[in-house]
Protein backbone atom coordinates (compact mmCIF):
# COMPACT_ATOMS: atom_id res chain seq x y z
CA UNK A 1 225.58 152.08 246.01
CA UNK A 2 224.20 149.49 248.47
CA UNK A 3 220.79 148.29 247.36
CA UNK A 4 218.21 146.11 249.06
CA UNK A 5 219.24 143.40 246.65
CA UNK A 6 222.76 143.56 247.78
CA UNK A 7 221.61 143.01 251.25
CA UNK A 8 219.56 140.05 250.43
CA UNK A 9 222.44 138.59 248.60
CA UNK A 10 224.59 138.62 251.70
CA UNK A 11 222.18 136.08 253.22
CA UNK A 12 223.24 133.46 250.56
CA UNK A 13 226.94 133.63 251.72
CA UNK A 14 228.47 130.98 253.87
CA UNK A 15 229.06 127.42 252.52
CA UNK A 16 227.62 125.87 255.76
CA UNK A 17 224.13 127.67 255.35
CA UNK A 18 221.34 125.05 255.07
CA UNK A 19 217.89 126.23 254.21
CA UNK A 20 214.83 124.43 255.37
CA UNK A 21 213.22 125.01 252.03
CA UNK A 22 214.31 126.58 248.68
CA UNK A 23 211.53 127.35 246.38
CA UNK A 24 212.08 127.66 242.64
CA UNK A 25 209.62 130.05 240.94
CA UNK A 26 208.32 133.42 241.75
CA UNK A 27 204.73 133.30 240.51
CA UNK A 28 201.53 132.97 242.66
CA UNK A 29 202.34 129.36 243.72
CA UNK A 30 205.89 129.93 244.59
CA UNK A 31 205.38 133.27 246.44
CA UNK A 32 202.49 131.80 248.32
CA UNK A 33 204.47 128.73 249.31
CA UNK A 34 207.38 130.93 250.39
CA UNK A 35 204.96 133.07 252.58
CA UNK A 36 203.51 129.91 254.14
CA UNK A 37 206.87 128.45 254.84
CA UNK A 38 208.36 131.67 256.36
CA UNK A 39 205.27 132.51 258.38
CA UNK A 40 205.74 128.93 260.04
CA UNK A 41 209.19 129.91 260.93
CA UNK A 42 211.15 127.89 258.40
CA UNK A 43 214.27 129.28 256.86
CA UNK A 44 213.08 129.96 253.47
CA UNK A 45 214.53 130.99 250.15
CA UNK A 46 212.75 131.71 246.87
CA UNK A 47 214.49 132.17 243.46
CA UNK A 48 212.85 133.48 240.37
CA UNK A 49 214.54 133.43 236.95
CA UNK A 50 212.97 136.57 235.63
CA UNK A 51 210.71 139.03 237.63
CA UNK A 52 208.03 138.11 240.09
CA UNK A 53 204.87 137.08 238.19
CA UNK A 54 206.75 137.64 234.87
CA UNK A 55 204.88 134.67 233.40
CA UNK A 56 201.27 133.37 233.97
CA UNK A 57 200.78 135.15 237.15
CA UNK A 58 200.60 138.70 235.63
CA UNK A 59 198.55 137.65 232.58
CA UNK A 60 195.15 136.54 234.16
CA UNK A 61 191.66 137.77 233.48
CA UNK A 62 192.04 139.72 236.77
CA UNK A 63 189.47 137.69 238.50
CA UNK A 64 189.24 136.18 241.97
CA UNK A 65 186.61 133.69 241.40
CA UNK A 66 185.08 130.20 242.16
CA UNK A 67 184.79 129.29 238.55
CA UNK A 68 181.20 129.33 237.13
CA UNK A 69 182.03 127.05 234.29
CA UNK A 70 183.68 124.40 236.72
CA UNK A 71 180.19 124.37 238.46
CA UNK A 72 178.64 123.57 235.10
CA UNK A 73 181.13 120.70 234.65
CA UNK A 74 180.10 119.39 238.13
CA UNK A 75 183.41 120.04 239.78
CA UNK A 76 181.64 121.04 243.07
CA UNK A 77 184.73 120.56 245.25
CA UNK A 78 186.92 122.79 243.18
CA UNK A 79 184.21 125.49 243.23
CA UNK A 80 183.61 125.34 246.89
CA UNK A 81 187.48 125.48 247.66
CA UNK A 82 187.97 128.45 245.29
CA UNK A 83 184.92 130.46 246.73
CA UNK A 84 186.28 129.99 250.21
CA UNK A 85 189.74 131.14 249.16
CA UNK A 86 188.06 134.04 247.33
CA UNK A 87 186.62 135.18 250.66
CA UNK A 88 189.97 134.88 252.49
CA UNK A 89 191.75 137.00 249.73
CA UNK A 90 189.14 139.72 250.22
CA UNK A 91 189.79 139.79 253.90
CA UNK A 92 193.75 139.47 253.68
CA UNK A 93 194.25 141.90 250.76
CA UNK A 94 191.33 144.32 250.64
CA UNK A 95 193.33 147.08 248.99
CA UNK A 96 193.66 144.78 245.87
CA UNK A 97 190.54 142.65 245.92
CA UNK A 98 187.02 143.89 245.47
CA UNK A 99 183.55 142.63 244.96
CA UNK A 100 182.47 142.96 241.27
CA UNK A 101 178.95 142.33 240.00
CA UNK A 102 178.83 140.40 236.86
CA UNK A 103 175.85 140.63 234.34
CA UNK A 104 174.88 137.72 231.95
CA UNK A 105 172.76 138.98 229.24
CA UNK A 106 170.19 136.39 228.12
CA UNK A 107 168.58 136.19 224.79
CA UNK A 108 166.08 133.45 225.63
CA UNK A 109 163.52 132.97 228.63
CA UNK A 110 164.95 129.55 229.34
CA UNK A 111 168.45 130.94 229.57
CA UNK A 112 167.40 133.46 232.29
CA UNK A 113 165.86 130.63 234.39
CA UNK A 114 168.76 128.22 233.69
CA UNK A 115 171.49 130.65 234.74
CA UNK A 116 169.53 132.03 237.78
CA UNK A 117 169.22 128.48 239.07
CA UNK A 118 172.80 127.53 238.57
CA UNK A 119 174.19 130.69 240.10
CA UNK A 120 172.21 130.36 243.16
CA UNK A 121 173.91 127.14 243.82
CA UNK A 122 177.22 129.15 243.41
CA UNK A 123 176.04 131.46 246.09
CA UNK A 124 175.11 128.47 248.33
CA UNK A 125 178.53 127.06 248.01
CA UNK A 126 180.10 130.27 249.09
CA UNK A 127 178.40 130.09 252.43
CA UNK A 128 179.09 132.90 254.77
CA UNK A 129 181.90 134.17 252.59
CA UNK A 130 179.40 135.20 249.85
CA UNK A 131 180.04 138.29 247.90
CA UNK A 132 176.25 138.93 247.19
CA UNK A 133 173.11 137.29 246.03
CA UNK A 134 172.34 136.22 242.41
CA UNK A 135 169.27 137.98 241.01
CA UNK A 136 167.38 137.87 237.79
CA UNK A 137 166.82 141.33 236.05
CA UNK A 138 164.63 142.74 233.27
CA UNK A 139 165.95 143.96 230.04
CA UNK A 140 165.85 147.48 230.95
CA UNK A 141 168.17 146.91 233.86
CA UNK A 142 170.57 145.04 231.76
CA UNK A 143 170.83 147.96 229.49
CA UNK A 144 171.30 150.34 232.26
CA UNK A 145 173.97 148.26 234.04
CA UNK A 146 175.89 147.53 230.91
CA UNK A 147 175.74 150.68 228.61
CA UNK A 148 176.89 149.54 225.20
CA UNK A 149 175.29 146.16 225.27
CA UNK A 150 173.63 144.88 222.10
CA UNK A 151 169.78 145.26 222.89
CA UNK A 152 168.50 143.27 219.82
CA UNK A 153 166.74 140.08 221.11
CA UNK A 154 167.64 140.70 224.72
CA UNK A 155 165.21 139.13 227.02
CA UNK A 156 166.82 140.17 230.42
CA UNK A 157 169.75 139.11 232.43
CA UNK A 158 171.27 137.50 235.61
CA UNK A 159 173.51 139.35 237.94
CA UNK A 160 175.98 137.45 240.17
CA UNK A 161 179.02 138.58 242.27
CA UNK A 162 182.70 137.51 242.11
CA UNK A 163 185.93 139.24 242.96
CA UNK A 164 188.54 141.32 240.90
CA UNK A 165 192.09 142.07 241.63
CA UNK A 166 195.39 143.22 240.15
CA UNK A 167 197.44 140.06 239.83
CA UNK A 168 200.99 141.41 239.47
CA UNK A 169 200.50 143.90 242.19
CA UNK A 170 199.42 141.15 244.52
CA UNK A 171 202.45 139.17 243.54
CA UNK A 172 204.62 142.22 244.58
CA UNK A 173 202.85 142.51 247.94
CA UNK A 174 203.25 138.85 248.57
CA UNK A 175 207.03 139.08 247.94
CA UNK A 176 207.22 142.00 250.37
CA UNK A 177 205.15 140.09 252.95
CA UNK A 178 207.57 137.03 252.48
CA UNK A 179 210.50 139.44 253.39
CA UNK A 180 208.56 140.74 256.45
CA UNK A 181 208.12 137.20 257.66
CA UNK A 182 211.86 136.45 257.30
CA UNK A 183 212.16 134.77 253.95
CA UNK A 184 214.70 135.77 251.23
CA UNK A 185 213.21 136.30 247.74
CA UNK A 186 215.19 137.10 244.78
CA UNK A 187 214.30 137.90 241.16
CA UNK A 188 216.72 137.37 238.21
CA UNK A 189 218.09 134.31 239.92
CA UNK A 190 218.15 131.30 237.58
CA UNK A 191 218.39 127.73 238.93
CA UNK A 192 220.49 125.78 236.51
CA UNK A 193 220.79 122.48 238.51
CA UNK A 194 219.90 120.38 241.51
CA UNK A 195 222.40 119.31 244.19
CA UNK A 196 222.07 115.75 245.46
CA UNK A 197 223.44 113.83 248.38
CA UNK A 198 223.41 110.38 246.94
CA UNK A 199 220.04 110.07 245.35
CA UNK A 200 218.39 112.65 247.52
CA UNK A 201 217.84 116.29 246.89
CA UNK A 202 220.21 118.48 248.96
CA UNK A 203 219.92 121.99 247.27
CA UNK A 204 220.24 123.83 244.05
CA UNK A 205 222.81 125.41 241.83
CA UNK A 206 221.87 128.94 240.74
CA UNK A 207 223.19 131.85 238.88
CA UNK A 208 222.66 135.56 239.72
CA UNK A 209 221.79 136.80 236.28
CA UNK A 210 222.88 140.27 237.11
CA UNK A 211 226.41 139.48 237.98
CA UNK A 212 226.97 136.02 236.54
CA UNK A 213 227.92 134.58 239.87
CA UNK A 214 227.14 130.97 240.59
CA UNK A 215 225.83 129.94 243.97
CA UNK A 216 225.54 126.26 245.32
CA UNK A 217 222.92 126.50 247.98
CA UNK A 218 222.07 123.67 250.43
CA UNK A 219 218.53 122.85 251.55
CA UNK A 220 216.53 120.20 253.48
CA UNK A 221 213.77 120.53 250.79
CA UNK A 222 213.31 121.92 247.32
CA UNK A 223 209.93 122.92 245.81
CA UNK A 224 209.42 123.12 242.09
CA UNK A 225 206.67 125.86 241.57
CA UNK A 226 207.67 127.04 238.15
CA UNK A 227 204.24 126.88 236.41
CA UNK A 228 204.53 125.87 232.76
CA UNK A 229 208.27 125.22 233.28
CA UNK A 230 207.94 122.53 235.86
CA UNK A 231 208.90 119.89 233.44
CA UNK A 232 212.26 121.60 232.87
CA UNK A 233 213.14 121.18 236.55
CA UNK A 234 211.80 117.53 236.68
CA UNK A 235 214.21 116.82 233.78
CA UNK A 236 217.03 118.23 235.82
CA UNK A 237 216.07 115.83 238.63
CA UNK A 238 215.35 112.83 236.52
CA UNK A 239 216.19 112.97 232.75
CA UNK A 240 213.22 111.39 230.56
CA UNK A 241 210.50 112.00 233.14
CA UNK A 242 207.12 112.04 231.43
CA UNK A 243 205.70 115.58 231.26
CA UNK A 244 203.35 116.59 233.92
CA UNK A 245 202.03 119.89 232.13
CA UNK A 246 200.03 120.55 229.05
CA UNK A 247 200.17 124.22 228.69
CA UNK A 248 197.21 126.16 227.34
CA UNK A 249 197.27 129.88 226.21
CA UNK A 250 194.75 132.48 227.12
CA UNK A 251 194.69 135.78 225.30
CA UNK A 252 193.19 139.13 226.31
CA UNK A 253 192.46 142.20 224.37
CA UNK A 254 192.29 145.65 226.16
CA UNK A 255 189.90 148.36 224.85
CA UNK A 256 189.03 151.74 225.89
CA UNK A 257 186.35 151.82 228.57
CA UNK A 258 183.93 153.67 226.31
CA UNK A 259 182.96 150.39 224.63
CA UNK A 260 181.26 149.57 227.84
CA UNK A 261 181.28 152.44 230.32
CA UNK A 262 179.99 150.36 233.18
CA UNK A 263 181.27 149.48 236.71
CA UNK A 264 179.92 145.94 236.29
CA UNK A 265 181.43 143.16 234.20
CA UNK A 266 179.99 141.31 231.24
CA UNK A 267 179.91 137.54 231.30
CA UNK A 268 179.18 135.56 228.16
CA UNK A 269 178.53 132.02 229.39
CA UNK A 270 178.93 130.01 226.29
CA UNK A 271 181.02 131.04 223.19
CA UNK A 272 181.33 129.17 219.97
CA UNK A 273 184.02 127.08 221.19
CA UNK A 274 182.18 126.37 224.56
CA UNK A 275 184.39 128.75 226.65
CA UNK A 276 183.30 131.66 228.93
CA UNK A 277 184.22 135.16 227.68
CA UNK A 278 184.48 138.24 229.93
CA UNK A 279 184.63 141.82 229.41
CA UNK A 280 185.91 143.25 232.68
CA UNK A 281 186.52 146.96 233.63
CA UNK A 282 190.00 147.14 235.01
CA UNK A 283 191.76 150.28 236.08
CA UNK A 284 190.27 152.77 233.38
CA UNK A 285 190.19 150.09 230.46
CA UNK A 286 188.01 147.11 229.52
CA UNK A 287 189.80 143.70 229.34
CA UNK A 288 188.06 141.21 227.07
CA UNK A 289 188.92 137.45 227.03
CA UNK A 290 189.96 134.75 227.09
CA UNK A 291 190.85 131.86 224.80
CA UNK A 292 191.95 128.33 225.45
CA UNK A 293 194.47 127.16 222.95
CA UNK A 294 196.84 124.16 223.54
CA UNK A 295 200.40 124.72 222.91
CA UNK A 296 203.34 122.39 222.30
CA UNK A 297 205.94 125.19 222.44
CA UNK A 298 205.99 128.04 225.06
CA UNK A 299 208.23 130.96 226.45
CA UNK A 300 208.24 133.52 228.98
CA UNK A 301 206.77 135.87 226.35
CA UNK A 302 203.92 133.97 224.59
CA UNK A 303 202.35 135.70 221.59
CA UNK A 304 198.69 135.91 220.76
CA UNK A 305 197.71 133.94 217.53
CA UNK A 306 195.75 135.74 214.87
CA UNK A 307 192.92 133.19 215.29
CA UNK A 308 192.52 134.02 218.99
CA UNK A 309 192.49 137.83 218.36
CA UNK A 310 189.94 137.41 215.62
CA UNK A 311 187.85 135.11 217.93
CA UNK A 312 187.69 137.59 220.79
CA UNK A 313 186.76 140.55 218.50
CA UNK A 314 184.19 138.46 216.70
CA UNK A 315 182.49 137.40 219.91
CA UNK A 316 182.72 140.84 221.41
CA UNK A 317 181.03 142.33 218.33
CA UNK A 318 178.04 140.16 218.96
CA UNK A 319 177.44 141.61 222.35
CA UNK A 320 178.45 145.30 222.07
CA UNK A 321 176.63 147.74 220.11
CA UNK A 322 179.78 149.65 219.21
CA UNK A 323 181.84 147.06 217.48
CA UNK A 324 185.52 146.90 218.35
CA UNK A 325 188.02 146.79 215.33
CA UNK A 326 191.71 145.84 215.43
CA UNK A 327 192.71 149.52 215.51
CA UNK A 328 190.79 149.93 218.82
CA UNK A 329 192.90 147.31 220.74
CA UNK A 330 195.32 149.17 223.12
CA UNK A 331 197.27 146.18 224.29
CA UNK A 332 197.00 142.48 223.75
CA UNK A 333 198.59 139.97 226.13
CA UNK A 334 198.77 136.18 226.34
CA UNK A 335 199.24 134.03 229.37
CA UNK A 336 199.82 130.20 229.72
CA UNK A 337 198.02 127.95 232.08
CA UNK A 338 200.05 125.20 233.54
CA UNK A 339 197.33 122.39 233.23
CA UNK A 340 197.84 118.98 234.44
CA UNK A 341 198.62 116.84 231.39
CA UNK A 342 195.68 114.76 230.37
CA UNK A 343 195.69 110.88 230.42
CA UNK A 344 194.58 110.72 226.81
CA UNK A 345 195.79 113.02 224.12
CA UNK A 346 192.37 113.70 222.62
CA UNK A 347 191.24 115.70 225.78
CA UNK A 348 190.49 119.30 225.10
CA UNK A 349 192.28 121.91 227.43
CA UNK A 350 188.98 123.29 228.69
CA UNK A 351 188.22 119.74 229.99
CA UNK A 352 191.46 119.29 231.87
CA UNK A 353 191.11 119.85 235.66
CA UNK A 354 192.11 123.12 237.11
CA UNK A 355 192.70 121.51 240.45
CA UNK A 356 196.30 121.54 241.59
CA UNK A 357 198.58 118.56 241.88
CA UNK A 358 201.58 117.93 244.24
CA UNK A 359 204.10 115.31 243.11
CA UNK A 360 206.97 114.04 245.26
CA UNK A 361 209.72 112.49 243.16
CA UNK A 362 211.89 109.73 244.41
CA UNK A 363 214.70 112.34 245.16
CA UNK A 364 212.46 114.23 247.51
CA UNK A 365 211.77 117.08 245.02
CA UNK A 366 208.23 118.36 245.61
CA UNK A 367 206.57 119.62 242.44
CA UNK A 368 203.28 121.70 242.46
CA UNK A 369 201.31 122.43 239.37
CA UNK A 370 197.76 123.31 238.11
CA UNK A 371 195.53 125.48 240.12
CA UNK A 372 194.89 129.26 239.68
CA UNK A 373 195.45 132.57 241.43
CA UNK A 374 192.31 132.42 243.58
CA UNK A 375 193.63 129.14 245.22
CA UNK A 376 197.21 130.07 245.59
CA UNK A 377 197.03 130.10 249.41
CA UNK A 378 195.55 126.65 249.64
CA UNK A 379 197.93 125.30 247.09
CA UNK A 380 200.76 126.64 249.31
CA UNK A 381 199.27 125.02 252.44
CA UNK A 382 198.88 121.76 250.75
CA UNK A 383 202.56 122.05 249.27
CA UNK A 384 203.98 122.76 252.74
CA UNK A 385 202.10 119.74 254.28
CA UNK A 386 203.89 117.46 251.74
CA UNK A 387 207.29 119.22 252.25
CA UNK A 388 207.04 118.74 256.09
CA UNK A 389 206.22 115.13 255.59
CA UNK A 390 208.90 114.48 252.94
CA UNK A 391 211.78 116.44 254.57
CA UNK A 392 210.73 115.46 258.10
CA UNK A 393 210.56 119.20 259.23
CA UNK A 394 208.87 120.36 262.43
CA UNK A 395 205.04 120.17 262.29
CA UNK A 396 203.89 123.77 262.56
CA UNK A 397 200.26 124.94 261.92
CA UNK A 398 199.52 126.97 258.79
CA UNK A 399 199.09 130.83 259.64
CA UNK A 400 198.24 132.17 256.26
CA UNK A 401 194.30 132.05 256.56
CA UNK A 402 194.45 135.13 258.80
CA UNK A 403 197.63 136.81 257.59
CA UNK A 404 197.27 140.29 256.16
CA UNK A 405 199.20 140.84 252.96
CA UNK A 406 201.53 143.70 252.79
CA UNK A 407 199.67 147.10 252.08
CA UNK A 408 196.40 145.68 253.56
CA UNK A 409 193.80 148.38 254.40
CA UNK A 410 189.98 148.51 254.23
CA UNK A 411 189.43 152.06 253.18
CA UNK A 412 190.21 151.98 249.39
CA UNK A 413 189.33 154.78 246.87
CA UNK A 414 189.05 152.73 243.74
CA UNK A 415 188.90 155.95 241.67
CA UNK A 416 192.57 156.92 242.78
CA UNK A 417 195.09 155.02 240.76
CA UNK A 418 197.50 154.90 243.82
CA UNK A 419 195.06 152.49 245.45
CA UNK A 420 197.21 149.61 244.57
CA UNK A 421 199.79 150.63 247.24
CA UNK A 422 197.29 150.28 250.07
CA UNK A 423 198.90 151.46 253.32
CA UNK A 424 202.09 152.53 251.28
CA UNK A 425 200.14 155.20 249.39
CA UNK A 426 201.09 157.95 251.59
CA UNK A 427 204.75 157.03 251.36
CA UNK A 428 204.66 157.22 247.65
CA UNK A 429 203.13 160.63 247.73
CA UNK A 430 205.85 161.68 250.20
CA UNK A 431 208.35 160.58 247.58
CA UNK A 432 206.52 162.83 245.00
CA UNK A 433 207.23 165.82 247.22
CA UNK A 434 210.85 164.84 247.96
CA UNK A 435 211.92 165.72 244.43
CA UNK A 436 210.09 168.24 242.30
CA UNK A 437 210.33 166.11 239.14
CA UNK A 438 209.10 163.07 240.89
CA UNK A 439 205.56 164.53 241.26
CA UNK A 440 205.15 164.88 237.60
CA UNK A 441 203.51 162.32 235.32
CA UNK A 442 205.16 159.51 233.39
CA UNK A 443 202.91 160.03 230.45
CA UNK A 444 200.51 163.03 229.81
CA UNK A 445 197.43 160.76 229.31
CA UNK A 446 197.88 158.82 232.53
CA UNK A 447 198.13 159.58 236.24
CA UNK A 448 201.18 157.44 236.98
CA UNK A 449 203.85 159.56 238.81
CA UNK A 450 207.64 159.46 238.36
CA UNK A 451 207.76 158.82 242.04
CA UNK A 452 206.25 155.31 241.40
CA UNK A 453 209.29 154.42 239.52
CA UNK A 454 211.58 155.43 242.35
CA UNK A 455 209.26 153.57 244.82
CA UNK A 456 209.31 150.37 242.48
CA UNK A 457 213.11 150.36 242.58
CA UNK A 458 213.61 151.14 246.31
CA UNK A 459 210.77 149.01 247.87
CA UNK A 460 209.42 146.61 245.20
CA UNK A 461 212.46 144.99 243.75
CA UNK A 462 212.01 146.37 240.23
CA UNK A 463 215.36 145.79 238.20
CA UNK A 464 214.23 146.71 234.66
CA UNK A 465 212.17 149.02 232.64
CA UNK A 466 209.86 146.12 231.83
CA UNK A 467 209.51 145.29 235.63
CA UNK A 468 208.17 148.88 236.13
CA UNK A 469 205.95 149.20 233.16
CA UNK A 470 204.52 145.92 232.97
CA UNK A 471 204.20 144.67 236.56
CA UNK A 472 204.52 147.73 238.95
CA UNK A 473 202.38 150.38 237.17
CA UNK A 474 200.76 148.07 234.53
CA UNK A 475 201.02 150.56 231.78
CA UNK A 476 202.14 147.96 229.21
CA UNK A 477 198.97 145.86 229.81
CA UNK A 478 196.70 148.81 229.46
CA UNK A 479 198.13 150.99 226.65
CA UNK A 480 201.29 149.46 225.00
CA UNK A 481 202.06 152.54 222.87
CA UNK A 482 201.89 154.81 225.86
CA UNK A 483 204.24 152.35 227.73
CA UNK A 484 206.67 152.47 224.85
CA UNK A 485 206.55 156.39 224.94
CA UNK A 486 207.31 156.25 228.74
CA UNK A 487 210.34 153.94 228.51
CA UNK A 488 213.11 156.44 228.06
CA UNK A 489 212.09 158.43 231.08
CA UNK A 490 211.64 155.36 233.27
CA UNK A 491 215.10 154.22 232.18
CA UNK A 492 216.66 157.60 233.14
CA UNK A 493 214.94 157.58 236.54
CA UNK A 494 216.05 153.97 237.23
CA UNK A 495 219.60 154.55 236.11
CA UNK A 496 219.95 157.31 238.60
CA UNK A 497 218.56 155.20 241.37
CA UNK A 498 220.65 152.09 240.44
CA UNK A 499 223.85 153.81 239.56
CA UNK A 500 223.70 152.69 235.95
CA UNK A 501 225.33 154.49 232.86
CA UNK A 502 223.94 155.81 229.64
CA UNK A 503 224.67 152.52 227.95
CA UNK A 504 222.40 150.68 230.34
CA UNK A 505 219.62 153.17 229.70
CA UNK A 506 219.78 152.72 226.06
CA UNK A 507 219.96 149.04 226.25
CA UNK A 508 216.94 148.94 228.54
CA UNK A 509 214.99 151.11 226.22
CA UNK A 510 215.81 149.01 223.24
CA UNK A 511 214.97 145.71 224.92
CA UNK A 512 211.64 147.15 226.29
CA UNK A 513 210.56 148.49 222.78
CA UNK A 514 211.22 145.23 221.24
CA UNK A 515 209.14 143.41 223.82
CA UNK A 516 206.25 146.01 223.96
CA UNK A 517 205.77 145.75 220.07
CA UNK A 518 204.33 142.22 220.70
CA UNK A 519 201.53 143.92 222.76
CA UNK A 520 200.48 146.16 219.78
CA UNK A 521 198.20 144.85 216.99
CA UNK A 522 199.44 145.17 213.55
CA UNK A 523 196.98 146.69 211.18
């Protein structure tokens, strides 16, 4: 059976093929860079060792925001840039990004005045791309907007506006847009080394993890956009290089929406450790987080620490009248932030800049690190500017400010779970009618259709059960046990599409169950 991946692999054949740019890493930054490069007309190849957005880029707080706490730190430039990019994301991917009101409950009269003044500055910085005006509200309105909020001692609140999105779905749509713009993007392709002509980068050595075949690929420029793994690629280039990244872990707990049945989000501006904590309605659940824990060791599947879990539960109990317990947590997920390493070891991770950095090695390798989802487009634009300069490529103007992302449409029904497909929604429904079984649910408690698995394989480059349940339909992040229950059916549907045997199905299910167990809290 010839698959879309097979067709993409043919583009790699031919020893004389020279790419303008090869990007290592398929998260937000890598995909954004590939889209920027392809839309400018450069021959572009992106290689990701796992699935697109497998790491940090699928594990965010699901916010498209300027960063209220960066404003409190005085980082006006970062906030202004992020607010501008927030507005562009809403314009270019309106099927995935929406305006979300945030309510800050205040328990002192001074707090109400303080946050009102600060957030009006936030509004001012957003300019004509503002999502809405900040306003001060009385206690009764806070209780109305946030059912389930703890009323004792409440003085009132402040409402401001930011954005919300589905991170992994945006990554998938970016990959599709890259392909439409002429780029080649491949998941499960591991870069194992760098090719050099003398001392200068001339390409990469990569292995297709599905076949074991090695490729030696030539390029005029190589971008290292591997997030927390940037130092691994830098070591390939120059062993002994000082680390650029200090990873920090952020954990989220997912609860039933009944703990706060609101369309608005809760923002707690200052926790015991000085962080901001959010309780955000997402799909039909409530996502609560996050933490900021420095790590010395890290992996593609980071695990939440007990101290982080207890911190989130303890803080949430202070603000929710119905107090969440461990047994109420439907899923727990951890993500890693690739923060720029501090100049002195005593720096706390929350004090390390979230601004992105672009480093050009003596070999010509371009490394980009730091930043966040909201600013992915600007990070890509800045990276391409450096690539053009370093590799002496043709000066072509950036086109992504006004480039619609695959699926873009303005009439979104947020109550229909198929909204994430945007303009592809009707095609997914057509698949559901093509086969009687595909119109049935994956799990009795959720609306996900079997047709979505078929769509993910045919049109969204899903290769494993995890790809589907974690990053295409998001069930693993919403209800880990339900995802585990759905795994055998997903494996069966995928095997039929991919021409895999019973052994492949059993291996996929076993692998997924082992992974998904880490998303469940042990009592």
